[in-house]
Amino acid sequence: MKTAQFDRFAIEMTLTQAKSASHQGDCSDDAENLLRCPQISEQLRSIGPWAIRDELAEYGAWDASDLADDDANLVRIVWIAAGNIVEENQ
């Protein structure tokens, strides 16, 4: 397992999983597929929507109305986690 460390929490996934959601172009469908993995979805449930929202807010890429969509936030944080893991393991 590889770990993406954020300020408030960490997300673990395999390097293969991370590579599946970190590539050129739109990775949102791939990140959504990772959300179906019990190991990943359980981690996100334990983190909770507020911590994920607060973490994403620090990126400055989404406004308050964007961040109110918790389902979209899950995709965003998994996509970022996957990218961080791939980048750290090149």
PDB file of N, CA and C in Angstrom:
ATOM      1  N   MET A   1       0.836  -1.185   0.000  1.00  0.00           N
ATOM      2  CA  MET A   1       0.000   0.000   0.000  1.00  0.00           C
ATOM      3  C   MET A   1       0.880   1.248   0.000  1.00  0.00           C
ATOM      4  N   LYS A   2       0.411   2.246  -0.671  1.00  0.00           N
ATOM      5  CA  LYS A   2       1.074   3.547  -0.716  1.00  0.00           C
ATOM      6  C   LYS A   2       0.150   4.554  -0.041  1.00  0.00           C
ATOM      7  N   THR A   3       0.736   5.621   0.464  1.00  0.00           N
ATOM      8  CA  THR A   3      -0.032   6.596   1.227  1.00  0.00           C
ATOM      9  C   THR A   3       0.093   7.984   0.630  1.00  0.00           C
ATOM     10  N   ALA A   4      -1.052   8.652   0.497  1.00  0.00           N
ATOM     11  CA  ALA A   4      -1.097  10.072   0.159  1.00  0.00           C
ATOM     12  C   ALA A   4      -1.367  10.806   1.463  1.00  0.00           C
ATOM     13  N   GLN A   5      -0.423  11.610   1.888  1.00  0.00           N
ATOM     14  CA  GLN A   5      -0.537  12.321   3.161  1.00  0.00           C
ATOM     15  C   GLN A   5      -1.076  13.732   2.905  1.00  0.00           C
ATOM     16  N   PHE A   6      -2.156  14.061   3.577  1.00  0.00           N
ATOM     17  CA  PHE A   6      -2.736  15.396   3.521  1.00  0.00           C
ATOM     18  C   PHE A   6      -2.532  16.054   4.880  1.00  0.00           C
ATOM     19  N   ASP A   7      -2.938  17.291   5.044  1.00  0.00           N
ATOM     20  CA  ASP A   7      -2.784  17.972   6.330  1.00  0.00           C
ATOM     21  C   ASP A   7      -3.649  17.345   7.415  1.00  0.00           C
ATOM     22  N   ARG A   8      -4.849  16.892   7.071  1.00  0.00           N
ATOM     23  CA  ARG A   8      -5.815  16.418   8.057  1.00  0.00           C
ATOM     24  C   ARG A   8      -5.968  14.901   8.130  1.00  0.00           C
ATOM     25  N   PHE A   9      -5.478  14.191   7.130  1.00  0.00           N
ATOM     26  CA  PHE A   9      -5.684  12.744   7.047  1.00  0.00           C
ATOM     27  C   PHE A   9      -4.748  12.166   5.987  1.00  0.00           C
ATOM     28  N   ALA A  10      -4.776  10.860   5.865  1.00  0.00           N
ATOM     29  CA  ALA A  10      -4.028  10.154   4.830  1.00  0.00           C
ATOM     30  C   ALA A  10      -4.970   9.190   4.127  1.00  0.00           C
ATOM     31  N   ILE A  11      -4.673   8.901   2.876  1.00  0.00           N
ATOM     32  CA  ILE A  11      -5.446   7.929   2.108  1.00  0.00           C
ATOM     33  C   ILE A  11      -4.468   6.912   1.540  1.00  0.00           C
ATOM     34  N   GLU A  12      -4.787   5.642   1.746  1.00  0.00           N
ATOM     35  CA  GLU A  12      -3.942   4.563   1.251  1.00  0.00           C
ATOM     36  C   GLU A  12      -4.601   3.857   0.078  1.00  0.00           C
ATOM     37  N   MET A  13      -3.771   3.489  -0.899  1.00  0.00           N
ATOM     38  CA  MET A  13      -4.208   2.663  -2.024  1.00  0.00           C
ATOM     39  C   MET A  13      -2.968   2.023  -2.621  1.00  0.00           C
ATOM     40  N   THR A  14      -3.166   1.048  -3.466  1.00  0.00           N
ATOM     41  CA  THR A  14      -2.022   0.432  -4.121  1.00  0.00           C
ATOM     42  C   THR A  14      -1.517   1.360  -5.223  1.00  0.00           C
ATOM     43  N   LEU A  15      -0.286   1.138  -5.632  1.00  0.00           N
ATOM     44  CA  LEU A  15       0.268   1.935  -6.719  1.00  0.00           C
ATOM     45  C   LEU A  15      -0.526   1.687  -8.005  1.00  0.00           C
ATOM     46  N   THR A  16      -0.964   0.466  -8.219  1.00  0.00           N
ATOM     47  CA  THR A  16      -1.785   0.150  -9.397  1.00  0.00           C
ATOM     48  C   THR A  16      -3.084   0.939  -9.370  1.00  0.00           C
ATOM     49  N   GLN A  17      -3.728   1.006  -8.209  1.00  0.00           N
ATOM     50  CA  GLN A  17      -4.950   1.800  -8.090  1.00  0.00           C
ATOM     51  C   GLN A  17      -4.657   3.266  -8.373  1.00  0.00           C
ATOM     52  N   ALA A  18      -3.581   3.772  -7.800  1.00  0.00           N
ATOM     53  CA  ALA A  18      -3.229   5.179  -8.002  1.00  0.00           C
ATOM     54  C   ALA A  18      -2.979   5.474  -9.480  1.00  0.00           C
ATOM     55  N   LYS A  19      -2.256   4.594 -10.143  1.00  0.00           N
ATOM     56  CA  LYS A  19      -1.967   4.808 -11.568  1.00  0.00           C
ATOM     57  C   LYS A  19      -3.239   4.782 -12.411  1.00  0.00           C
ATOM     58  N   SER A  20      -4.230   4.019 -11.970  1.00  0.00           N
ATOM     59  CA  SER A  20      -5.477   3.944 -12.738  1.00  0.00           C
ATOM     60  C   SER A  20      -6.234   5.269 -12.723  1.00  0.00           C
ATOM     61  N   ALA A  21      -5.990   6.108 -11.724  1.00  0.00           N
ATOM     62  CA  ALA A  21      -6.711   7.387 -11.603  1.00  0.00           C
ATOM     63  C   ALA A  21      -5.770   8.578 -11.664  1.00  0.00           C
ATOM     64  N   SER A  22      -4.603   8.365 -12.243  1.00  0.00           N
ATOM     65  CA  SER A  22      -3.648   9.468 -12.404  1.00  0.00           C
ATOM     66  C   SER A  22      -2.947   9.306 -13.745  1.00  0.00           C
ATOM     67  N   HIS A  23      -3.489   9.970 -14.723  1.00  0.00           N
ATOM     68  CA  HIS A  23      -2.963   9.906 -16.081  1.00  0.00           C
ATOM     69  C   HIS A  23      -3.365  11.179 -16.801  1.00  0.00           C
ATOM     70  N   GLN A  24      -2.908  11.335 -18.008  1.00  0.00           N
ATOM     71  CA  GLN A  24      -3.269  12.509 -18.774  1.00  0.00           C
ATOM     72  C   GLN A  24      -4.768  12.527 -19.032  1.00  0.00           C
ATOM     73  N   GLY A  25      -5.350  13.687 -18.986  1.00  0.00           N
ATOM     74  CA  GLY A  25      -6.772  13.833 -19.275  1.00  0.00           C
ATOM     75  C   GLY A  25      -7.635  13.731 -18.029  1.00  0.00           C
ATOM     76  N   ASP A  26      -8.919  13.618 -18.255  1.00  0.00           N
ATOM     77  CA  ASP A  26      -9.909  13.569 -17.176  1.00  0.00           C
ATOM     78  C   ASP A  26      -9.862  12.210 -16.478  1.00  0.00           C
ATOM     79  N   CYS A  27      -9.620  12.228 -15.194  1.00  0.00           N
ATOM     80  CA  CYS A  27      -9.542  10.991 -14.395  1.00  0.00           C
ATOM     81  C   CYS A  27     -10.759  10.811 -13.496  1.00  0.00           C
ATOM     82  N   SER A  28     -11.783  11.621 -13.671  1.00  0.00           N
ATOM     83  CA  SER A  28     -12.913  11.567 -12.752  1.00  0.00           C
ATOM     84  C   SER A  28     -13.624  10.214 -12.779  1.00  0.00           C
ATOM     85  N   ASP A  29     -13.817   9.616 -13.953  1.00  0.00           N
ATOM     86  CA  ASP A  29     -14.455   8.297 -14.010  1.00  0.00           C
ATOM     87  C   ASP A  29     -13.594   7.250 -13.309  1.00  0.00           C
ATOM     88  N   ASP A  30     -12.285   7.346 -13.475  1.00  0.00           N
ATOM     89  CA  ASP A  30     -11.373   6.396 -12.840  1.00  0.00           C
ATOM     90  C   ASP A  30     -11.374   6.576 -11.321  1.00  0.00           C
ATOM     91  N   ALA A  31     -11.427   7.815 -10.867  1.00  0.00           N
ATOM     92  CA  ALA A  31     -11.504   8.074  -9.428  1.00  0.00           C
ATOM     93  C   ALA A  31     -12.831   7.543  -8.874  1.00  0.00           C
ATOM     94  N   GLU A  32     -13.913   7.715  -9.625  1.00  0.00           N
ATOM     95  CA  GLU A  32     -15.209   7.163  -9.204  1.00  0.00           C
ATOM     96  C   GLU A  32     -15.142   5.649  -9.085  1.00  0.00           C
ATOM     97  N   ASN A  33     -14.442   5.003  -9.995  1.00  0.00           N
ATOM     98  CA  ASN A  33     -14.285   3.547  -9.916  1.00  0.00           C
ATOM     99  C   ASN A  33     -13.554   3.148  -8.638  1.00  0.00           C
ATOM    100  N   LEU A  34     -12.551   3.922  -8.244  1.00  0.00           N
ATOM    101  CA  LEU A  34     -11.829   3.617  -7.009  1.00  0.00           C
ATOM    102  C   LEU A  34     -12.722   3.772  -5.783  1.00  0.00           C
ATOM    103  N   LEU A  35     -13.705   4.640  -5.865  1.00  0.00           N
ATOM    104  CA  LEU A  35     -14.636   4.821  -4.740  1.00  0.00           C
ATOM    105  C   LEU A  35     -15.468   3.571  -4.479  1.00  0.00           C
ATOM    106  N   ARG A  36     -15.534   2.691  -5.457  1.00  0.00           N
ATOM    107  CA  ARG A  36     -16.272   1.431  -5.282  1.00  0.00           C
ATOM    108  C   ARG A  36     -15.444   0.372  -4.557  1.00  0.00           C
ATOM    109  N   CYS A  37     -14.159   0.626  -4.369  1.00  0.00           N
ATOM    110  CA  CYS A  37     -13.293  -0.307  -3.639  1.00  0.00           C
ATOM    111  C   CYS A  37     -13.574  -0.144  -2.144  1.00  0.00           C
ATOM    112  N   PRO A  38     -13.973  -1.217  -1.481  1.00  0.00           N
ATOM    113  CA  PRO A  38     -14.313  -1.107  -0.053  1.00  0.00           C
ATOM    114  C   PRO A  38     -13.195  -0.502   0.788  1.00  0.00           C
ATOM    115  N   GLN A  39     -11.969  -0.848   0.513  1.00  0.00           N
ATOM    116  CA  GLN A  39     -10.836  -0.353   1.305  1.00  0.00           C
ATOM    117  C   GLN A  39     -10.731   1.175   1.200  1.00  0.00           C
ATOM    118  N   ILE A  40     -10.991   1.710   0.041  1.00  0.00           N
ATOM    119  CA  ILE A  40     -10.915   3.164  -0.153  1.00  0.00           C
ATOM    120  C   ILE A  40     -12.164   3.843   0.401  1.00  0.00           C
ATOM    121  N   SER A  41     -13.333   3.307   0.102  1.00  0.00           N
ATOM    122  CA  SER A  41     -14.563   3.945   0.576  1.00  0.00           C
ATOM    123  C   SER A  41     -14.650   3.945   2.103  1.00  0.00           C
ATOM    124  N   GLU A  42     -14.150   2.899   2.747  1.00  0.00           N
ATOM    125  CA  GLU A  42     -14.147   2.864   4.213  1.00  0.00           C
ATOM    126  C   GLU A  42     -13.247   3.946   4.798  1.00  0.00           C
ATOM    127  N   GLN A  43     -12.103   4.156   4.175  1.00  0.00           N
ATOM    128  CA  GLN A  43     -11.212   5.222   4.647  1.00  0.00           C
ATOM    129  C   GLN A  43     -11.901   6.582   4.554  1.00  0.00           C
ATOM    130  N   LEU A  44     -12.541   6.828   3.436  1.00  0.00           N
ATOM    131  CA  LEU A  44     -13.191   8.116   3.218  1.00  0.00           C
ATOM    132  C   LEU A  44     -14.353   8.326   4.182  1.00  0.00           C
ATOM    133  N   ARG A  45     -15.096   7.259   4.457  1.00  0.00           N
ATOM    134  CA  ARG A  45     -16.185   7.375   5.440  1.00  0.00           C
ATOM    135  C   ARG A  45     -15.630   7.735   6.813  1.00  0.00           C
ATOM    136  N   SER A  46     -14.502   7.137   7.177  1.00  0.00           N
ATOM    137  CA  SER A  46     -13.933   7.425   8.498  1.00  0.00           C
ATOM    138  C   SER A  46     -13.351   8.840   8.563  1.00  0.00           C
ATOM    139  N   ILE A  47     -12.919   9.371   7.452  1.00  0.00           N
ATOM    140  CA  ILE A  47     -12.397  10.745   7.409  1.00  0.00           C
ATOM    141  C   ILE A  47     -13.552  11.736   7.566  1.00  0.00           C
ATOM    142  N   GLY A  48     -14.622  11.494   6.836  1.00  0.00           N
ATOM    143  CA  GLY A  48     -15.803  12.347   6.926  1.00  0.00           C
ATOM    144  C   GLY A  48     -15.784  13.507   5.948  1.00  0.00           C
ATOM    145  N   PRO A  49     -16.969  13.977   5.578  1.00  0.00           N
ATOM    146  CA  PRO A  49     -17.083  15.014   4.545  1.00  0.00           C
ATOM    147  C   PRO A  49     -16.499  16.369   4.939  1.00  0.00           C
ATOM    148  N   TRP A  50     -16.559  16.722   6.221  1.00  0.00           N
ATOM    149  CA  TRP A  50     -16.063  18.048   6.607  1.00  0.00           C
ATOM    150  C   TRP A  50     -14.554  18.144   6.493  1.00  0.00           C
ATOM    151  N   ALA A  51     -13.847  17.114   6.906  1.00  0.00           N
ATOM    152  CA  ALA A  51     -12.379  17.136   6.799  1.00  0.00           C
ATOM    153  C   ALA A  51     -11.949  17.164   5.333  1.00  0.00           C
ATOM    154  N   ILE A  52     -12.664  16.419   4.492  1.00  0.00           N
ATOM    155  CA  ILE A  52     -12.348  16.418   3.061  1.00  0.00           C
ATOM    156  C   ILE A  52     -12.642  17.791   2.469  1.00  0.00           C
ATOM    157  N   ARG A  53     -13.761  18.365   2.819  1.00  0.00           N
ATOM    158  CA  ARG A  53     -14.132  19.702   2.333  1.00  0.00           C
ATOM    159  C   ARG A  53     -13.100  20.742   2.761  1.00  0.00           C
ATOM    160  N   ASP A  54     -12.692  20.702   4.029  1.00  0.00           N
ATOM    161  CA  ASP A  54     -11.697  21.656   4.528  1.00  0.00           C
ATOM    162  C   ASP A  54     -10.365  21.486   3.814  1.00  0.00           C
ATOM    163  N   GLU A  55      -9.981  20.243   3.578  1.00  0.00           N
ATOM    164  CA  GLU A  55      -8.719  19.975   2.870  1.00  0.00           C
ATOM    165  C   GLU A  55      -8.774  20.539   1.453  1.00  0.00           C
ATOM    166  N   LEU A  56      -9.844  20.251   0.750  1.00  0.00           N
ATOM    167  CA  LEU A  56      -9.984  20.731  -0.630  1.00  0.00           C
ATOM    168  C   LEU A  56     -10.063  22.252  -0.702  1.00  0.00           C
ATOM    169  N   ALA A  57     -10.660  22.876   0.297  1.00  0.00           N
ATOM    170  CA  ALA A  57     -10.777  24.340   0.305  1.00  0.00           C
ATOM    171  C   ALA A  57      -9.410  25.002   0.261  1.00  0.00           C
ATOM    172  N   GLU A  58      -8.419  24.364   0.858  1.00  0.00           N
ATOM    173  CA  GLU A  58      -7.070  24.942   0.870  1.00  0.00           C
ATOM    174  C   GLU A  58      -6.420  24.976  -0.505  1.00  0.00           C
ATOM    175  N   TYR A  59      -6.915  24.174  -1.432  1.00  0.00           N
ATOM    176  CA  TYR A  59      -6.369  24.183  -2.787  1.00  0.00           C
ATOM    177  C   TYR A  59      -6.775  25.443  -3.542  1.00  0.00           C
ATOM    178  N   GLY A  60      -7.884  26.050  -3.132  1.00  0.00           N
ATOM    179  CA  GLY A  60      -8.342  27.282  -3.770  1.00  0.00           C
ATOM    180  C   GLY A  60      -8.911  27.090  -5.162  1.00  0.00           C
ATOM    181  N   ALA A  61      -9.169  25.855  -5.559  1.00  0.00           N
ATOM    182  CA  ALA A  61      -9.651  25.580  -6.914  1.00  0.00           C
ATOM    183  C   ALA A  61     -11.173  25.522  -6.993  1.00  0.00           C
ATOM    184  N   TRP A  62     -11.831  25.444  -5.838  1.00  0.00           N
ATOM    185  CA  TRP A  62     -13.282  25.302  -5.810  1.00  0.00           C
ATOM    186  C   TRP A  62     -13.875  26.320  -4.853  1.00  0.00           C
ATOM    187  N   ASP A  63     -15.040  26.857  -5.214  1.00  0.00           N
ATOM    188  CA  ASP A  63     -15.696  27.802  -4.311  1.00  0.00           C
ATOM    189  C   ASP A  63     -16.614  27.033  -3.353  1.00  0.00           C
ATOM    190  N   ALA A  64     -17.254  27.752  -2.455  1.00  0.00           N
ATOM    191  CA  ALA A  64     -18.082  27.128  -1.418  1.00  0.00           C
ATOM    192  C   ALA A  64     -19.213  26.292  -2.004  1.00  0.00           C
ATOM    193  N   SER A  65     -19.815  26.751  -3.091  1.00  0.00           N
ATOM    194  CA  SER A  65     -20.908  25.973  -3.682  1.00  0.00           C
ATOM    195  C   SER A  65     -20.378  24.679  -4.302  1.00  0.00           C
ATOM    196  N   ASP A  66     -19.192  24.719  -4.908  1.00  0.00           N
ATOM    197  CA  ASP A  66     -18.578  23.494  -5.430  1.00  0.00           C
ATOM    198  C   ASP A  66     -18.309  22.507  -4.291  1.00  0.00           C
ATOM    199  N   LEU A  67     -17.754  23.020  -3.204  1.00  0.00           N
ATOM    200  CA  LEU A  67     -17.358  22.170  -2.088  1.00  0.00           C
ATOM    201  C   LEU A  67     -18.551  21.642  -1.286  1.00  0.00           C
ATOM    202  N   ALA A  68     -19.741  22.158  -1.541  1.00  0.00           N
ATOM    203  CA  ALA A  68     -20.939  21.655  -0.871  1.00  0.00           C
ATOM    204  C   ALA A  68     -21.365  20.293  -1.424  1.00  0.00           C
ATOM    205  N   ASP A  69     -20.807  19.909  -2.564  1.00  0.00           N
ATOM    206  CA  ASP A  69     -21.136  18.629  -3.200  1.00  0.00           C
ATOM    207  C   ASP A  69     -20.182  17.551  -2.685  1.00  0.00           C
ATOM    208  N   ASP A  70     -20.614  16.827  -1.651  1.00  0.00           N
ATOM    209  CA  ASP A  70     -19.746  15.839  -1.013  1.00  0.00           C
ATOM    210  C   ASP A  70     -19.365  14.694  -1.946  1.00  0.00           C
ATOM    211  N   ASP A  71     -20.259  14.288  -2.836  1.00  0.00           N
ATOM    212  CA  ASP A  71     -19.920  13.218  -3.781  1.00  0.00           C
ATOM    213  C   ASP A  71     -18.807  13.656  -4.722  1.00  0.00           C
ATOM    214  N   ALA A  72     -18.894  14.881  -5.211  1.00  0.00           N
ATOM    215  CA  ALA A  72     -17.836  15.408  -6.077  1.00  0.00           C
ATOM    216  C   ALA A  72     -16.530  15.548  -5.304  1.00  0.00           C
ATOM    217  N   ASN A  73     -16.626  15.912  -4.031  1.00  0.00           N
ATOM    218  CA  ASN A  73     -15.423  16.041  -3.204  1.00  0.00           C
ATOM    219  C   ASN A  73     -14.705  14.703  -3.054  1.00  0.00           C
ATOM    220  N   LEU A  74     -15.457  13.620  -2.953  1.00  0.00           N
ATOM    221  CA  LEU A  74     -14.833  12.296  -2.855  1.00  0.00           C
ATOM    222  C   LEU A  74     -14.023  11.994  -4.109  1.00  0.00           C
ATOM    223  N   VAL A  75     -14.593  12.299  -5.254  1.00  0.00           N
ATOM    224  CA  VAL A  75     -13.876  12.093  -6.518  1.00  0.00           C
ATOM    225  C   VAL A  75     -12.629  12.978  -6.549  1.00  0.00           C
ATOM    226  N   ARG A  76     -12.774  14.225  -6.160  1.00  0.00           N
ATOM    227  CA  ARG A  76     -11.635  15.154  -6.163  1.00  0.00           C
ATOM    228  C   ARG A  76     -10.495  14.661  -5.278  1.00  0.00           C
ATOM    229  N   ILE A  77     -10.821  14.230  -4.057  1.00  0.00           N
ATOM    230  CA  ILE A  77      -9.768  13.863  -3.115  1.00  0.00           C
ATOM    231  C   ILE A  77      -9.094  12.555  -3.532  1.00  0.00           C
ATOM    232  N   VAL A  78      -9.851  11.630  -4.110  1.00  0.00           N
ATOM    233  CA  VAL A  78      -9.252  10.383  -4.594  1.00  0.00           C
ATOM    234  C   VAL A  78      -8.344  10.667  -5.785  1.00  0.00           C
ATOM    235  N   TRP A  79      -8.768  11.544  -6.664  1.00  0.00           N
ATOM    236  CA  TRP A  79      -7.965  11.913  -7.829  1.00  0.00           C
ATOM    237  C   TRP A  79      -6.657  12.560  -7.359  1.00  0.00           C
ATOM    238  N   ILE A  80      -6.734  13.461  -6.415  1.00  0.00           N
ATOM    239  CA  ILE A  80      -5.538  14.114  -5.886  1.00  0.00           C
ATOM    240  C   ILE A  80      -4.647  13.096  -5.184  1.00  0.00           C
ATOM    241  N   ALA A  81      -5.243  12.228  -4.377  1.00  0.00           N
ATOM    242  CA  ALA A  81      -4.459  11.211  -3.670  1.00  0.00           C
ATOM    243  C   ALA A  81      -3.733  10.310  -4.659  1.00  0.00           C
ATOM    244  N   ALA A  82      -4.434   9.888  -5.691  1.00  0.00           N
ATOM    245  CA  ALA A  82      -3.817   9.038  -6.705  1.00  0.00           C
ATOM    246  C   ALA A  82      -2.642   9.752  -7.371  1.00  0.00           C
ATOM    247  N   GLY A  83      -2.839  11.000  -7.720  1.00  0.00           N
ATOM    248  CA  GLY A  83      -1.757  11.768  -8.338  1.00  0.00           C
ATOM    249  C   GLY A  83      -0.556  11.934  -7.433  1.00  0.00           C
ATOM    250  N   ASN A  84      -0.821  12.196  -6.151  1.00  0.00           N
ATOM    251  CA  ASN A  84       0.280  12.339  -5.195  1.00  0.00           C
ATOM    252  C   ASN A  84       1.073  11.035  -5.061  1.00  0.00           C
ATOM    253  N   ILE A  85       0.375   9.922  -4.997  1.00  0.00           N
ATOM    254  CA  ILE A  85       1.039   8.639  -4.857  1.00  0.00           C
ATOM    255  C   ILE A  85       1.876   8.319  -6.088  1.00  0.00           C
ATOM    256  N   VAL A  86       1.318   8.531  -7.254  1.00  0.00           N
ATOM    257  CA  VAL A  86       2.067   8.262  -8.490  1.00  0.00           C
ATOM    258  C   VAL A  86       3.297   9.156  -8.565  1.00  0.00           C
ATOM    259  N   GLU A  87       3.123  10.428  -8.270  1.00  0.00           N
ATOM    260  CA  GLU A  87       4.248  11.375  -8.313  1.00  0.00           C
ATOM    261  C   GLU A  87       5.357  10.978  -7.341  1.00  0.00           C
ATOM    262  N   GLU A  88       4.985  10.543  -6.150  1.00  0.00           N
ATOM    263  CA  GLU A  88       5.975  10.180  -5.143  1.00  0.00           C
ATOM    264  C   GLU A  88       6.655   8.844  -5.429  1.00  0.00           C
ATOM    265  N   ASN A  89       6.113   8.062  -6.329  1.00  0.00           N
ATOM    266  CA  ASN A  89       6.652   6.724  -6.607  1.00  0.00           C
ATOM    267  C   ASN A  89       7.166   6.576  -8.018  1.00  0.00           C
ATOM    268  N   GLN A  90       7.632   7.657  -8.597  1.00  0.00           N
ATOM    269  CA  GLN A  90       8.212   7.579  -9.952  1.00  0.00           C
ATOM    270  C   GLN A  90       9.694   7.364  -9.868  1.00  0.00           C
TER     271      GLN A  90
END
